[in-house]
Amino acid sequence: MTTYLLKINCELHLGGADPRPTQSSVWENIRVTFPNPSRISGGPGQSVKNGDQLVVWAHEDPGFGSGLGLTAEGIASEVTVDGGSTSATLTNVALLTPHYKLRGWPGGSSGSVAIDHLLSHRHLRSYELEDAELAEFLSVIAEFFAAKKKLLATTAYMSDEEKALLADRSVVLDGFERRFTRQEARPDQAQFRAALMQLYQGRCVISRCGIPEILDAAHIVPFSETITFRNDRRNGLILRTDIHTLFDKLLLSIHPQSGIVMLSPKLQTSTYRQFEGRKVAHFAANEFLREQYLMFKATLNSEVYDDVALSG
């Protein structure tokens, strides 16, 4: 039996199946189509045969199916090849939870050549995993599962903010991604804004602008409706409208410990450079600022800032 790692768009390559299954039965006996396999080391892979193992990595980007990352494994049956693509029926499906994801990756190697390859090749592909690559992949995933289970077992020692981030992880990541395409319009925004305007005395925490007409109440973390911290004042900042846009698009961040403003390299030659290194006074929860800061760091194309320990 050969193992193949499939990175696919669920909407296009899984017959429109739910990209976020909660039960293995949802994906049992579905038809999956994918590019003919290649090898990570280069060159074409073997053709998939009945009885081979298929590991499905559902593309996480909203533009490519809004999947869960490493989602499920199953056995291939009724395999057919048509030119450059292969189709198979997925049987004996087992969900792989908690799901290992690439979105929001902080940088560096995962410890698996296969996962690192997915990180550097974001398009849709399928790979034949050689024995050493498969063993390494399984080891990294097993370590991830163990760490997640340990984390879940120790939630009693986590802050309420950390528990909320853990519980709402997929929605938070989706929310950060959504901010690249549109601003959120919410019916409860007026009350949230009023509370923040009072807390910050009607001024942008970064520019110190005090003109109400161009000030926004910015959510730091895009929690779902069910999370208590969604409209908590510690999950908000008063920002000038243009700075709010930069903050949401991860071109600007506030260091969660020092309160220092940091800019993307894209802004270094702009008028926003005046805010680089400015220390701001805020009432936000460090856990929420840390989440946005790590997403900001993950978008940088190069290491502009030295890594800073953020624990504690």
Protein backbone atom coordinates (compact mmCIF):
# COMPACT_ATOMS: atom_id res chain seq x y z
CA MET A 1 0.00 0.00 0.00
CA THR A 2 1.29 3.44 -0.98
CA THR A 3 0.26 6.64 0.82
CA TYR A 4 -0.62 9.79 -1.09
CA LEU A 5 -1.06 13.27 0.37
CA LEU A 6 -3.77 15.22 -1.45
CA LYS A 7 -4.11 18.98 -1.16
CA ILE A 8 -7.46 19.77 -2.74
CA ASN A 9 -10.29 22.27 -2.99
CA CYS A 10 -13.29 20.52 -1.44
CA GLU A 11 -15.82 22.50 -3.44
CA LEU A 12 -14.22 21.58 -6.76
CA HIS A 13 -12.48 18.26 -6.16
CA LEU A 14 -14.65 16.54 -3.59
CA GLY A 15 -17.96 16.74 -5.39
CA GLY A 16 -19.10 19.73 -3.37
CA ALA A 17 -18.84 17.80 -0.09
CA ASP A 18 -18.79 19.67 3.21
CA PRO A 19 -15.20 20.99 3.57
CA ARG A 20 -15.52 20.81 7.37
CA PRO A 21 -16.93 17.37 8.20
CA THR A 22 -17.75 16.62 11.83
CA GLN A 23 -18.34 12.91 11.24
CA SER A 24 -16.42 10.50 9.02
CA SER A 25 -19.68 9.30 7.47
CA VAL A 26 -20.05 12.66 5.71
CA TRP A 27 -17.07 11.81 3.51
CA GLU A 28 -17.57 8.03 3.24
CA ASN A 29 -17.86 6.86 -0.38
CA ILE A 30 -17.42 10.33 -1.86
CA ARG A 31 -15.57 10.79 -5.12
CA VAL A 32 -12.30 12.73 -4.95
CA THR A 33 -10.46 14.10 -8.00
CA PHE A 34 -6.87 15.33 -7.86
CA PRO A 35 -3.84 15.99 -10.10
CA ASN A 36 -1.79 12.91 -10.89
CA PRO A 37 0.74 12.38 -8.08
CA SER A 38 4.27 13.73 -8.14
CA ARG A 39 7.18 13.15 -5.78
CA ILE A 40 8.33 15.80 -3.32
CA SER A 41 11.89 15.03 -4.35
CA GLY A 42 10.93 15.72 -7.99
CA GLY A 43 9.42 13.88 -10.91
CA PRO A 44 6.16 11.98 -11.33
CA GLY A 45 4.89 9.56 -8.69
CA GLN A 46 3.30 6.18 -9.12
CA SER A 47 -0.29 5.95 -10.24
CA VAL A 48 -2.81 5.50 -7.42
CA LYS A 49 -4.21 1.96 -7.20
CA ASN A 50 -7.19 0.44 -5.43
CA GLY A 51 -6.28 -0.14 -1.79
CA ASP A 52 -3.80 2.75 -1.54
CA GLN A 53 -4.11 5.21 1.34
CA LEU A 54 -5.25 8.77 0.62
CA VAL A 55 -4.58 11.53 3.17
CA VAL A 56 -6.72 14.61 2.43
CA TRP A 57 -5.47 18.10 3.21
CA ALA A 58 -8.43 20.40 2.50
CA HIS A 59 -7.21 23.79 1.29
CA GLU A 60 -7.90 26.30 4.06
CA ASP A 61 -8.14 29.54 2.10
CA PRO A 62 -11.73 30.78 1.53
CA GLY A 63 -10.86 31.15 -2.15
CA PHE A 64 -9.95 27.47 -2.33
CA GLY A 65 -12.72 25.80 -0.39
CA SER A 66 -12.42 26.96 3.25
CA GLY A 67 -11.21 23.57 4.41
CA LEU A 68 -9.77 22.44 7.74
CA GLY A 69 -6.25 21.57 6.64
CA LEU A 70 -5.35 17.96 7.51
CA THR A 71 -8.87 16.55 7.58
CA ALA A 72 -9.17 12.82 6.91
CA GLU A 73 -7.61 9.63 5.61
CA GLY A 74 -9.21 6.80 3.68
CA ILE A 75 -8.66 3.97 1.24
CA ALA A 76 -8.89 4.46 -2.53
CA SER A 77 -11.28 2.34 -4.57
CA GLU A 78 -12.69 2.50 -8.09
CA VAL A 79 -9.62 4.44 -9.23
CA THR A 80 -9.65 5.98 -12.71
CA VAL A 81 -7.09 8.12 -14.53
CA ASP A 82 -8.08 10.69 -17.14
CA GLY A 83 -5.15 12.55 -18.64
CA GLY A 84 -3.53 14.64 -15.91
CA SER A 85 -6.03 13.85 -13.16
CA THR A 86 -6.96 10.87 -11.00
CA SER A 87 -10.34 10.07 -9.43
CA ALA A 88 -11.08 7.63 -6.64
CA THR A 89 -13.85 6.74 -4.23
CA LEU A 90 -12.81 7.38 -0.62
CA THR A 91 -13.69 4.49 1.71
CA ASN A 92 -12.94 3.57 5.34
CA VAL A 93 -12.75 7.27 6.15
CA ALA A 94 -11.28 8.40 9.48
CA LEU A 95 -11.23 12.06 10.53
CA LEU A 96 -7.86 13.38 11.69
CA THR A 97 -8.60 15.67 14.63
CA PRO A 98 -7.59 18.10 15.97
CA HIS A 99 -6.86 19.43 12.49
CA TYR A 100 -3.31 20.43 11.61
CA LYS A 101 -3.41 23.72 9.68
CA LEU A 102 -1.13 25.97 7.65
CA ARG A 103 -3.04 29.24 7.92
CA GLY A 104 -1.42 31.61 10.37
CA TRP A 105 1.84 29.64 10.23
CA PRO A 106 4.41 31.58 12.32
CA GLY A 107 7.35 30.60 10.10
CA GLY A 108 10.18 28.10 10.23
CA SER A 109 10.21 24.38 9.52
CA SER A 110 7.47 22.05 10.70
CA GLY A 111 9.88 19.15 11.01
CA SER A 112 8.26 17.36 8.07
CA VAL A 113 9.50 17.68 4.49
CA ALA A 114 5.98 16.97 3.24
CA ILE A 115 4.34 19.70 5.36
CA ASP A 116 7.09 22.18 4.54
CA HIS A 117 6.48 21.44 0.86
CA LEU A 118 2.79 22.26 1.29
CA LEU A 119 3.78 25.52 2.97
CA SER A 120 5.97 26.56 0.05
CA HIS A 121 3.62 25.26 -2.67
CA ARG A 122 0.18 26.66 -1.87
CA HIS A 123 -1.48 25.40 -5.06
CA LEU A 124 -3.48 22.19 -5.33
CA ARG A 125 -1.33 19.07 -5.65
CA SER A 126 -1.01 15.40 -4.79
CA TYR A 127 2.16 13.69 -3.61
CA GLU A 128 3.34 10.13 -3.31
CA LEU A 129 4.99 9.93 0.11
CA GLU A 130 8.15 7.86 0.20
CA ASP A 131 8.79 5.75 3.29
CA ALA A 132 11.07 8.26 5.04
CA GLU A 133 8.75 11.17 4.21
CA LEU A 134 5.72 9.26 5.47
CA ALA A 135 7.45 8.29 8.74
CA GLU A 136 8.52 11.89 9.31
CA PHE A 137 5.04 13.19 8.47
CA LEU A 138 3.33 10.75 10.84
CA SER A 139 5.80 11.62 13.62
CA VAL A 140 5.13 15.36 13.34
CA ILE A 141 1.37 14.84 13.23
CA ALA A 142 1.45 12.47 16.21
CA GLU A 143 3.47 15.02 18.19
CA PHE A 144 0.96 17.73 17.24
CA PHE A 145 -2.00 15.57 18.33
CA ALA A 146 -0.30 14.79 21.65
CA ALA A 147 0.45 18.47 22.30
CA LYS A 148 -3.13 19.47 21.50
CA LYS A 149 -4.56 16.82 23.80
CA LYS A 150 -2.21 17.95 26.56
CA LEU A 151 -3.27 21.55 26.00
CA LEU A 152 -6.95 20.63 26.17
CA ALA A 153 -6.30 18.72 29.37
CA THR A 154 -4.71 21.76 30.99
CA THR A 155 -7.32 24.37 30.10
CA ALA A 156 -7.99 24.80 33.81
CA TYR A 157 -4.71 26.70 33.95
CA MET A 158 -5.49 28.90 30.96
CA SER A 159 -6.93 32.39 31.12
CA ASP A 160 -10.51 32.88 29.96
CA GLU A 161 -9.15 34.78 26.97
CA GLU A 162 -6.90 31.88 25.95
CA LYS A 163 -9.78 29.42 26.34
CA ALA A 164 -11.94 31.58 24.05
CA LEU A 165 -9.21 31.70 21.41
CA LEU A 166 -8.76 27.95 21.58
CA ALA A 167 -12.48 27.22 21.40
CA ASP A 168 -13.10 29.57 18.48
CA ARG A 169 -9.89 28.88 16.55
CA SER A 170 -11.36 28.14 13.11
CA VAL A 171 -13.72 31.13 13.22
CA VAL A 172 -10.91 33.44 14.34
CA LEU A 173 -8.69 32.37 11.44
CA ASP A 174 -11.58 32.74 9.00
CA GLY A 175 -12.26 36.19 10.40
CA PHE A 176 -8.69 37.35 9.89
CA GLU A 177 -8.83 36.07 6.31
CA ARG A 178 -12.20 37.74 5.69
CA ARG A 179 -10.82 41.12 6.67
CA PHE A 180 -8.73 41.16 3.52
CA THR A 181 -11.84 41.45 1.37
CA ARG A 182 -14.41 43.39 3.36
CA GLN A 183 -15.11 45.26 6.56
CA GLU A 184 -17.57 43.83 9.01
CA ALA A 185 -20.90 45.63 9.49
CA ARG A 186 -22.58 44.61 12.72
CA PRO A 187 -25.84 45.73 14.35
CA ASP A 188 -24.22 45.89 17.80
CA GLN A 189 -21.30 48.02 16.59
CA ALA A 190 -22.78 51.26 17.96
CA GLN A 191 -22.79 50.03 21.55
CA PHE A 192 -19.30 48.58 21.18
CA ARG A 193 -18.06 51.87 19.72
CA ALA A 194 -19.64 53.96 22.48
CA ALA A 195 -17.96 51.89 25.19
CA LEU A 196 -14.56 52.15 23.49
CA MET A 197 -14.89 55.86 22.77
CA GLN A 198 -15.48 56.43 26.47
CA LEU A 199 -12.60 54.17 27.47
CA TYR A 200 -10.12 55.84 25.10
CA GLN A 201 -11.49 59.35 25.62
CA GLY A 202 -12.44 59.67 21.98
CA ARG A 203 -8.94 59.35 20.56
CA CYS A 204 -7.16 56.93 18.24
CA VAL A 205 -4.70 54.91 20.33
CA ILE A 206 -2.00 55.23 17.65
CA SER A 207 -2.40 58.62 15.95
CA ARG A 208 -4.14 60.35 18.88
CA CYS A 209 -6.63 61.80 16.38
CA GLY A 210 -9.74 63.08 18.15
CA ILE A 211 -12.14 63.67 15.24
CA PRO A 212 -15.11 61.33 15.92
CA GLU A 213 -16.23 61.20 12.29
CA ILE A 214 -13.05 59.38 11.24
CA LEU A 215 -12.64 57.09 14.24
CA ASP A 216 -13.64 53.41 14.26
CA ALA A 217 -14.20 50.83 16.95
CA ALA A 218 -11.87 48.04 15.79
CA HIS A 219 -12.24 44.42 16.87
CA ILE A 220 -8.81 42.92 17.56
CA VAL A 221 -9.88 39.27 17.21
CA PRO A 222 -12.85 38.36 14.97
CA PHE A 223 -14.64 36.01 17.36
CA SER A 224 -17.95 34.37 16.48
CA GLU A 225 -21.32 35.51 17.81
CA THR A 226 -21.27 32.94 20.63
CA ILE A 227 -18.03 34.10 22.23
CA THR A 228 -18.43 36.39 25.24
CA PHE A 229 -15.34 38.38 24.30
CA ARG A 230 -16.71 39.31 20.87
CA ASN A 231 -17.74 42.80 22.03
CA ASP A 232 -15.70 42.98 25.21
CA ARG A 233 -13.86 46.30 25.43
CA ARG A 234 -10.61 44.39 25.88
CA ASN A 235 -11.09 43.04 22.36
CA GLY A 236 -11.29 46.50 20.87
CA LEU A 237 -9.32 49.63 20.05
CA ILE A 238 -10.26 53.08 18.83
CA LEU A 239 -8.42 53.59 15.55
CA ARG A 240 -8.51 56.24 12.87
CA THR A 241 -10.33 54.79 9.86
CA ASP A 242 -7.25 54.39 7.66
CA ILE A 243 -5.22 52.88 10.51
CA HIS A 244 -8.10 50.51 11.24
CA THR A 245 -7.88 49.25 7.65
CA LEU A 246 -4.12 48.71 7.97
CA PHE A 247 -4.62 46.88 11.27
CA ASP A 248 -7.29 44.57 9.81
CA LYS A 249 -5.17 43.85 6.72
CA LEU A 250 -2.21 42.91 8.95
CA LEU A 251 -0.01 45.74 7.68
CA LEU A 252 0.27 47.19 11.16
CA SER A 253 0.36 45.68 14.64
CA ILE A 254 0.89 46.50 18.31
CA HIS A 255 3.34 44.33 20.19
CA PRO A 256 1.33 42.59 22.93
CA GLN A 257 3.91 43.10 25.65
CA SER A 258 5.70 46.34 24.87
CA GLY A 259 2.80 48.23 23.25
CA ILE A 260 5.15 49.29 20.45
CA VAL A 261 3.65 49.90 17.00
CA MET A 262 5.17 47.77 14.22
CA LEU A 263 4.72 48.24 10.48
CA SER A 264 4.89 45.96 7.48
CA PRO A 265 7.82 46.65 5.13
CA LYS A 266 5.18 47.82 2.63
CA LEU A 267 4.58 50.91 4.79
CA GLN A 268 8.18 51.81 5.54
CA THR A 269 8.35 54.44 2.79
CA SER A 270 4.87 55.83 3.44
CA THR A 271 3.69 58.60 5.74
CA TYR A 272 2.70 55.87 8.22
CA ARG A 273 6.38 55.42 9.04
CA GLN A 274 5.91 58.14 11.67
CA PHE A 275 4.07 55.57 13.81
CA GLU A 276 6.86 52.96 13.68
CA GLY A 277 8.17 52.33 17.21
CA ARG A 278 5.52 54.50 18.89
CA LYS A 279 4.49 53.17 22.29
CA VAL A 280 0.74 53.24 22.82
CA ALA A 281 -1.35 53.10 25.96
CA HIS A 282 -4.22 50.65 25.66
CA PHE A 283 -6.65 48.57 27.72
CA ALA A 284 -6.72 45.57 25.39
CA ALA A 285 -6.12 42.00 26.55
CA ASN A 286 -2.57 40.89 25.76
CA GLU A 287 -3.91 37.52 24.57
CA PHE A 288 -5.96 39.24 21.84
CA LEU A 289 -3.16 41.57 20.76
CA ARG A 290 -0.85 38.55 20.63
CA GLU A 291 -3.23 36.75 18.24
CA GLN A 292 -3.30 39.66 15.81
CA TYR A 293 0.46 40.19 16.19
CA LEU A 294 1.25 36.57 15.31
CA MET A 295 -0.98 36.80 12.23
CA PHE A 296 0.84 40.03 11.29
CA LYS A 297 4.21 38.28 11.69
CA ALA A 298 3.05 35.37 9.56
CA THR A 299 2.34 37.68 6.61
CA LEU A 300 5.82 39.18 6.50
CA ASN A 301 7.89 37.98 3.57
CA SER A 302 11.12 38.38 5.50
CA GLU A 303 12.20 38.62 9.12
CA VAL A 304 12.10 42.34 9.79
CA TYR A 305 11.84 42.06 13.53
CA ASP A 306 13.71 39.71 15.83
CA ASP A 307 11.53 37.03 17.29
CA VAL A 308 10.38 37.97 20.76
CA ALA A 309 9.27 35.52 23.44
CA LEU A 310 5.58 36.16 24.03
CA SER A 311 4.85 33.75 26.85
CA GLY A 312 3.55 35.02 30.15
